[in-house]
Amino acid sequence: MKLVRIRQAKALGNYRVQLTLTDGRVIERDIGPMLEGPVFSEIRNDEMRFMEFRVEGGTLVWPNGADLCPDVLIWGGLPAGPLPTLEVCLAASLPIEAYVSWERGGYFSG
């Protein structure tokens, strides 16, 4: 089964985006709440900087190197339920940064 990723993206204003996915669906997302942490500070505080994103590797990236996990963008956030344990992250071959990011309430885009 092929992973669904982002093929195209368009800024809609007010930190909302329209995403065209590799399976043909078109969805809209408010990603303002996802712009947490120092790497997003300039993007979060200046909508013109926010609109500088491009699609690369199936997700949104910005010129400063910031990106967001495509699964979080596509599915609208982290899955409901308990956060993964360190053991789950390691068993899934996720880097330790994934666990640390989730523990801190953030999004890991690794």
N, C-alpha and C. Protein backbone atom coordinates (compact mmCIF):
# COMPACT_ATOMS: atom_id res chain seq x y z
N MET A 1 0.84 -1.17 0.00
CA MET A 1 0.00 0.00 0.00
C MET A 1 0.89 1.24 0.00
N LYS A 2 0.61 2.15 -0.89
CA LYS A 2 1.41 3.35 -1.04
C LYS A 2 0.94 4.42 -0.04
N LEU A 3 1.91 5.11 0.57
CA LEU A 3 1.58 6.18 1.50
C LEU A 3 0.96 7.36 0.76
N VAL A 4 -0.03 7.97 1.37
CA VAL A 4 -0.62 9.19 0.82
C VAL A 4 0.25 10.36 1.27
N ARG A 5 0.61 11.20 0.34
CA ARG A 5 1.43 12.37 0.63
C ARG A 5 0.85 13.58 -0.07
N ILE A 6 1.44 14.73 0.14
CA ILE A 6 0.98 15.98 -0.44
C ILE A 6 1.64 16.17 -1.80
N ARG A 7 0.82 16.45 -2.81
CA ARG A 7 1.32 16.68 -4.16
C ARG A 7 1.43 18.18 -4.44
N GLN A 8 0.41 18.95 -4.03
CA GLN A 8 0.38 20.39 -4.24
C GLN A 8 -0.22 21.06 -3.02
N ALA A 9 0.12 22.32 -2.83
CA ALA A 9 -0.45 23.07 -1.71
C ALA A 9 -0.65 24.52 -2.12
N LYS A 10 -1.69 25.10 -1.57
CA LYS A 10 -2.02 26.50 -1.86
C LYS A 10 -2.42 27.18 -0.56
N ALA A 11 -1.84 28.36 -0.30
CA ALA A 11 -2.21 29.14 0.89
C ALA A 11 -3.59 29.74 0.67
N LEU A 12 -4.43 29.66 1.71
CA LEU A 12 -5.78 30.21 1.64
C LEU A 12 -5.95 31.46 2.51
N GLY A 13 -4.92 31.80 3.26
CA GLY A 13 -5.01 32.94 4.17
C GLY A 13 -5.31 32.49 5.57
N ASN A 14 -4.90 33.30 6.53
CA ASN A 14 -5.13 33.03 7.94
C ASN A 14 -4.58 31.66 8.36
N TYR A 15 -3.41 31.30 7.82
CA TYR A 15 -2.70 30.06 8.14
C TYR A 15 -3.46 28.79 7.77
N ARG A 16 -4.34 28.93 6.77
CA ARG A 16 -5.05 27.77 6.23
C ARG A 16 -4.43 27.42 4.89
N VAL A 17 -4.44 26.12 4.58
CA VAL A 17 -3.89 25.65 3.30
C VAL A 17 -4.86 24.67 2.65
N GLN A 18 -4.81 24.64 1.34
CA GLN A 18 -5.51 23.62 0.57
C GLN A 18 -4.45 22.65 0.08
N LEU A 19 -4.63 21.39 0.39
CA LEU A 19 -3.66 20.36 0.04
C LEU A 19 -4.26 19.40 -0.99
N THR A 20 -3.54 19.19 -2.08
CA THR A 20 -3.91 18.17 -3.04
C THR A 20 -3.03 16.96 -2.76
N LEU A 21 -3.66 15.84 -2.50
CA LEU A 21 -2.94 14.64 -2.09
C LEU A 21 -2.64 13.72 -3.27
N THR A 22 -1.71 12.82 -3.07
CA THR A 22 -1.31 11.90 -4.13
C THR A 22 -2.41 10.93 -4.52
N ASP A 23 -3.44 10.78 -3.69
CA ASP A 23 -4.57 9.90 -4.05
C ASP A 23 -5.69 10.68 -4.73
N GLY A 24 -5.44 11.98 -5.00
CA GLY A 24 -6.42 12.81 -5.72
C GLY A 24 -7.33 13.64 -4.84
N ARG A 25 -7.39 13.34 -3.55
CA ARG A 25 -8.25 14.14 -2.66
C ARG A 25 -7.70 15.54 -2.50
N VAL A 26 -8.59 16.50 -2.25
CA VAL A 26 -8.23 17.87 -1.94
C VAL A 26 -8.84 18.18 -0.58
N ILE A 27 -7.99 18.60 0.37
CA ILE A 27 -8.45 18.88 1.73
C ILE A 27 -7.96 20.26 2.15
N GLU A 28 -8.61 20.82 3.14
CA GLU A 28 -8.18 22.09 3.72
C GLU A 28 -7.80 21.87 5.17
N ARG A 29 -6.76 22.57 5.61
CA ARG A 29 -6.30 22.45 6.98
C ARG A 29 -5.93 23.83 7.53
N ASP A 30 -6.25 24.04 8.80
CA ASP A 30 -5.77 25.19 9.55
C ASP A 30 -4.51 24.71 10.26
N ILE A 31 -3.35 25.17 9.81
CA ILE A 31 -2.12 24.66 10.41
C ILE A 31 -1.49 25.65 11.38
N GLY A 32 -2.18 26.77 11.62
CA GLY A 32 -1.67 27.72 12.60
C GLY A 32 -1.35 27.10 13.94
N PRO A 33 -2.23 26.27 14.51
CA PRO A 33 -1.94 25.65 15.80
C PRO A 33 -0.76 24.69 15.78
N MET A 34 -0.35 24.23 14.60
CA MET A 34 0.78 23.30 14.51
C MET A 34 2.13 24.01 14.47
N LEU A 35 2.11 25.31 14.33
CA LEU A 35 3.36 26.07 14.17
C LEU A 35 3.95 26.41 15.54
N GLU A 36 4.36 25.40 16.25
CA GLU A 36 4.90 25.55 17.60
C GLU A 36 6.41 25.41 17.59
N GLY A 37 7.06 26.05 18.54
CA GLY A 37 8.50 25.92 18.70
C GLY A 37 9.27 27.01 18.00
N PRO A 38 10.54 27.14 18.35
CA PRO A 38 11.36 28.23 17.83
C PRO A 38 11.55 28.21 16.31
N VAL A 39 11.58 27.04 15.70
CA VAL A 39 11.80 26.98 14.26
C VAL A 39 10.64 27.62 13.49
N PHE A 40 9.46 27.68 14.13
CA PHE A 40 8.29 28.26 13.48
C PHE A 40 8.00 29.70 13.93
N SER A 41 8.80 30.29 14.80
CA SER A 41 8.44 31.60 15.36
C SER A 41 8.27 32.67 14.28
N GLU A 42 9.20 32.76 13.34
CA GLU A 42 9.08 33.78 12.29
C GLU A 42 7.90 33.48 11.37
N ILE A 43 7.69 32.21 11.07
CA ILE A 43 6.58 31.79 10.21
C ILE A 43 5.25 32.06 10.90
N ARG A 44 5.17 31.78 12.19
CA ARG A 44 3.94 31.97 12.97
C ARG A 44 3.59 33.45 13.13
N ASN A 45 4.61 34.31 13.18
CA ASN A 45 4.38 35.73 13.44
C ASN A 45 4.30 36.60 12.20
N ASP A 46 4.48 36.01 11.01
CA ASP A 46 4.45 36.78 9.77
C ASP A 46 3.82 35.91 8.69
N GLU A 47 2.57 36.21 8.36
CA GLU A 47 1.86 35.36 7.41
C GLU A 47 2.52 35.37 6.02
N MET A 48 3.20 36.43 5.66
CA MET A 48 3.92 36.44 4.39
C MET A 48 5.04 35.39 4.40
N ARG A 49 5.73 35.25 5.53
CA ARG A 49 6.75 34.21 5.67
C ARG A 49 6.10 32.82 5.63
N PHE A 50 4.94 32.70 6.24
CA PHE A 50 4.21 31.44 6.23
C PHE A 50 3.93 31.01 4.79
N MET A 51 3.53 31.94 3.93
CA MET A 51 3.15 31.62 2.56
C MET A 51 4.34 31.28 1.67
N GLU A 52 5.55 31.29 2.19
CA GLU A 52 6.73 30.92 1.42
C GLU A 52 6.95 29.40 1.36
N PHE A 53 6.00 28.62 1.88
CA PHE A 53 6.17 27.17 1.88
C PHE A 53 6.17 26.64 0.45
N ARG A 54 6.71 25.43 0.32
CA ARG A 54 6.66 24.69 -0.93
C ARG A 54 6.45 23.21 -0.57
N VAL A 55 6.08 22.43 -1.55
CA VAL A 55 5.93 20.98 -1.33
C VAL A 55 7.23 20.32 -1.72
N GLU A 56 7.74 19.53 -0.79
CA GLU A 56 8.98 18.79 -1.02
C GLU A 56 8.90 17.49 -0.24
N GLY A 57 9.19 16.39 -0.88
CA GLY A 57 9.15 15.10 -0.19
C GLY A 57 7.78 14.74 0.35
N GLY A 58 6.72 15.27 -0.27
CA GLY A 58 5.37 14.92 0.14
C GLY A 58 4.83 15.70 1.31
N THR A 59 5.52 16.78 1.71
CA THR A 59 5.05 17.59 2.83
C THR A 59 5.37 19.06 2.56
N LEU A 60 4.99 19.93 3.51
CA LEU A 60 5.28 21.35 3.39
C LEU A 60 6.60 21.67 4.07
N VAL A 61 7.42 22.45 3.38
CA VAL A 61 8.69 22.91 3.94
C VAL A 61 8.81 24.41 3.69
N TRP A 62 9.59 25.07 4.55
CA TRP A 62 9.83 26.50 4.44
C TRP A 62 11.31 26.75 4.18
N PRO A 63 11.64 27.94 3.65
CA PRO A 63 13.04 28.24 3.34
C PRO A 63 14.00 28.12 4.53
N ASN A 64 13.50 28.30 5.76
CA ASN A 64 14.39 28.21 6.92
C ASN A 64 14.64 26.76 7.35
N GLY A 65 14.08 25.79 6.62
CA GLY A 65 14.28 24.38 6.94
C GLY A 65 13.16 23.77 7.76
N ALA A 66 12.22 24.56 8.23
CA ALA A 66 11.09 24.03 9.00
C ALA A 66 10.21 23.18 8.10
N ASP A 67 9.63 22.14 8.67
CA ASP A 67 8.66 21.32 7.96
C ASP A 67 7.69 20.72 8.96
N LEU A 68 6.64 20.12 8.45
CA LEU A 68 5.65 19.46 9.29
C LEU A 68 5.48 18.03 8.80
N CYS A 69 5.20 17.14 9.71
CA CYS A 69 4.96 15.74 9.38
C CYS A 69 3.78 15.65 8.41
N PRO A 70 3.95 14.99 7.26
CA PRO A 70 2.84 14.92 6.32
C PRO A 70 1.61 14.21 6.88
N ASP A 71 1.81 13.22 7.74
CA ASP A 71 0.66 12.52 8.32
C ASP A 71 -0.15 13.44 9.22
N VAL A 72 0.52 14.31 9.94
CA VAL A 72 -0.18 15.27 10.80
C VAL A 72 -0.97 16.24 9.93
N LEU A 73 -0.38 16.71 8.84
CA LEU A 73 -1.08 17.61 7.94
C LEU A 73 -2.27 16.93 7.28
N ILE A 74 -2.07 15.74 6.78
CA ILE A 74 -3.11 15.04 6.03
C ILE A 74 -4.26 14.62 6.93
N TRP A 75 -3.94 14.06 8.08
CA TRP A 75 -4.99 13.52 8.95
C TRP A 75 -5.47 14.53 9.99
N GLY A 76 -4.90 15.73 9.99
CA GLY A 76 -5.42 16.80 10.84
C GLY A 76 -4.89 16.80 12.26
N GLY A 77 -3.79 16.18 12.53
CA GLY A 77 -3.21 16.18 13.87
C GLY A 77 -2.78 14.80 14.29
N LEU A 78 -2.25 14.73 15.47
CA LEU A 78 -1.84 13.43 16.00
C LEU A 78 -3.05 12.56 16.22
N PRO A 79 -2.92 11.25 16.08
CA PRO A 79 -4.05 10.36 16.30
C PRO A 79 -4.59 10.49 17.71
N ALA A 80 -5.89 10.28 17.85
CA ALA A 80 -6.50 10.32 19.17
C ALA A 80 -5.99 9.15 19.99
N GLY A 81 -6.01 9.30 21.28
CA GLY A 81 -5.58 8.22 22.14
C GLY A 81 -4.27 8.55 22.82
N PRO A 82 -3.76 7.60 23.56
CA PRO A 82 -2.53 7.86 24.29
C PRO A 82 -1.35 8.07 23.36
N LEU A 83 -0.42 8.89 23.79
CA LEU A 83 0.78 9.11 23.03
C LEU A 83 1.64 7.86 23.04
N PRO A 84 2.41 7.64 22.00
CA PRO A 84 3.22 6.43 21.96
C PRO A 84 4.28 6.41 23.05
N THR A 85 4.55 5.23 23.52
CA THR A 85 5.61 5.08 24.52
C THR A 85 6.95 5.05 23.82
N LEU A 86 8.00 5.18 24.59
CA LEU A 86 9.35 5.09 24.03
C LEU A 86 9.53 3.74 23.34
N GLU A 87 9.01 2.69 23.93
CA GLU A 87 9.15 1.36 23.35
C GLU A 87 8.46 1.27 21.99
N VAL A 88 7.28 1.89 21.86
CA VAL A 88 6.56 1.88 20.59
C VAL A 88 7.35 2.63 19.53
N CYS A 89 7.90 3.79 19.89
CA CYS A 89 8.70 4.56 18.94
C CYS A 89 9.91 3.77 18.48
N LEU A 90 10.58 3.12 19.42
CA LEU A 90 11.77 2.36 19.05
C LEU A 90 11.40 1.14 18.21
N ALA A 91 10.31 0.47 18.55
CA ALA A 91 9.87 -0.69 17.78
C ALA A 91 9.50 -0.31 16.36
N ALA A 92 9.01 0.91 16.18
CA ALA A 92 8.63 1.38 14.84
C ALA A 92 9.81 2.02 14.12
N SER A 93 11.00 1.92 14.72
CA SER A 93 12.22 2.49 14.15
C SER A 93 12.16 4.00 14.02
N LEU A 94 11.37 4.63 14.88
CA LEU A 94 11.35 6.10 14.90
C LEU A 94 12.53 6.59 15.73
N PRO A 95 13.12 7.71 15.35
CA PRO A 95 14.22 8.24 16.15
C PRO A 95 13.73 8.70 17.52
N ILE A 96 14.62 8.76 18.45
CA ILE A 96 14.28 9.18 19.82
C ILE A 96 13.65 10.56 19.83
N GLU A 97 13.98 11.40 18.85
CA GLU A 97 13.40 12.75 18.78
C GLU A 97 11.88 12.70 18.64
N ALA A 98 11.35 11.64 18.01
CA ALA A 98 9.90 11.51 17.87
C ALA A 98 9.25 11.40 19.23
N TYR A 99 9.81 10.55 20.07
CA TYR A 99 9.26 10.38 21.41
C TYR A 99 9.37 11.66 22.22
N VAL A 100 10.54 12.29 22.18
CA VAL A 100 10.76 13.53 22.94
C VAL A 100 9.81 14.60 22.46
N SER A 101 9.60 14.71 21.14
CA SER A 101 8.69 15.71 20.60
C SER A 101 7.27 15.47 21.07
N TRP A 102 6.80 14.20 21.01
CA TRP A 102 5.45 13.89 21.46
C TRP A 102 5.30 14.15 22.95
N GLU A 103 6.30 13.81 23.73
CA GLU A 103 6.25 14.03 25.17
C GLU A 103 6.08 15.51 25.50
N ARG A 104 6.65 16.36 24.69
CA ARG A 104 6.58 17.81 24.90
C ARG A 104 5.35 18.43 24.24
N GLY A 105 4.51 17.60 23.66
CA GLY A 105 3.29 18.11 23.04
C GLY A 105 3.50 18.67 21.66
N GLY A 106 4.61 18.34 21.02
CA GLY A 106 4.90 18.88 19.70
C GLY A 106 4.66 17.88 18.59
N TYR A 107 5.06 18.26 17.42
CA TYR A 107 4.92 17.43 16.23
C TYR A 107 6.31 17.11 15.74
N PHE A 108 6.56 15.85 15.48
CA PHE A 108 7.86 15.44 14.96
C PHE A 108 7.74 15.26 13.46
N SER A 109 8.65 15.86 12.71
CA SER A 109 8.57 15.78 11.26
C SER A 109 9.71 14.99 10.65
N GLY A 110 10.59 14.44 11.49
CA GLY A 110 11.79 13.74 11.11
C GLY A 110 11.74 13.01 9.86
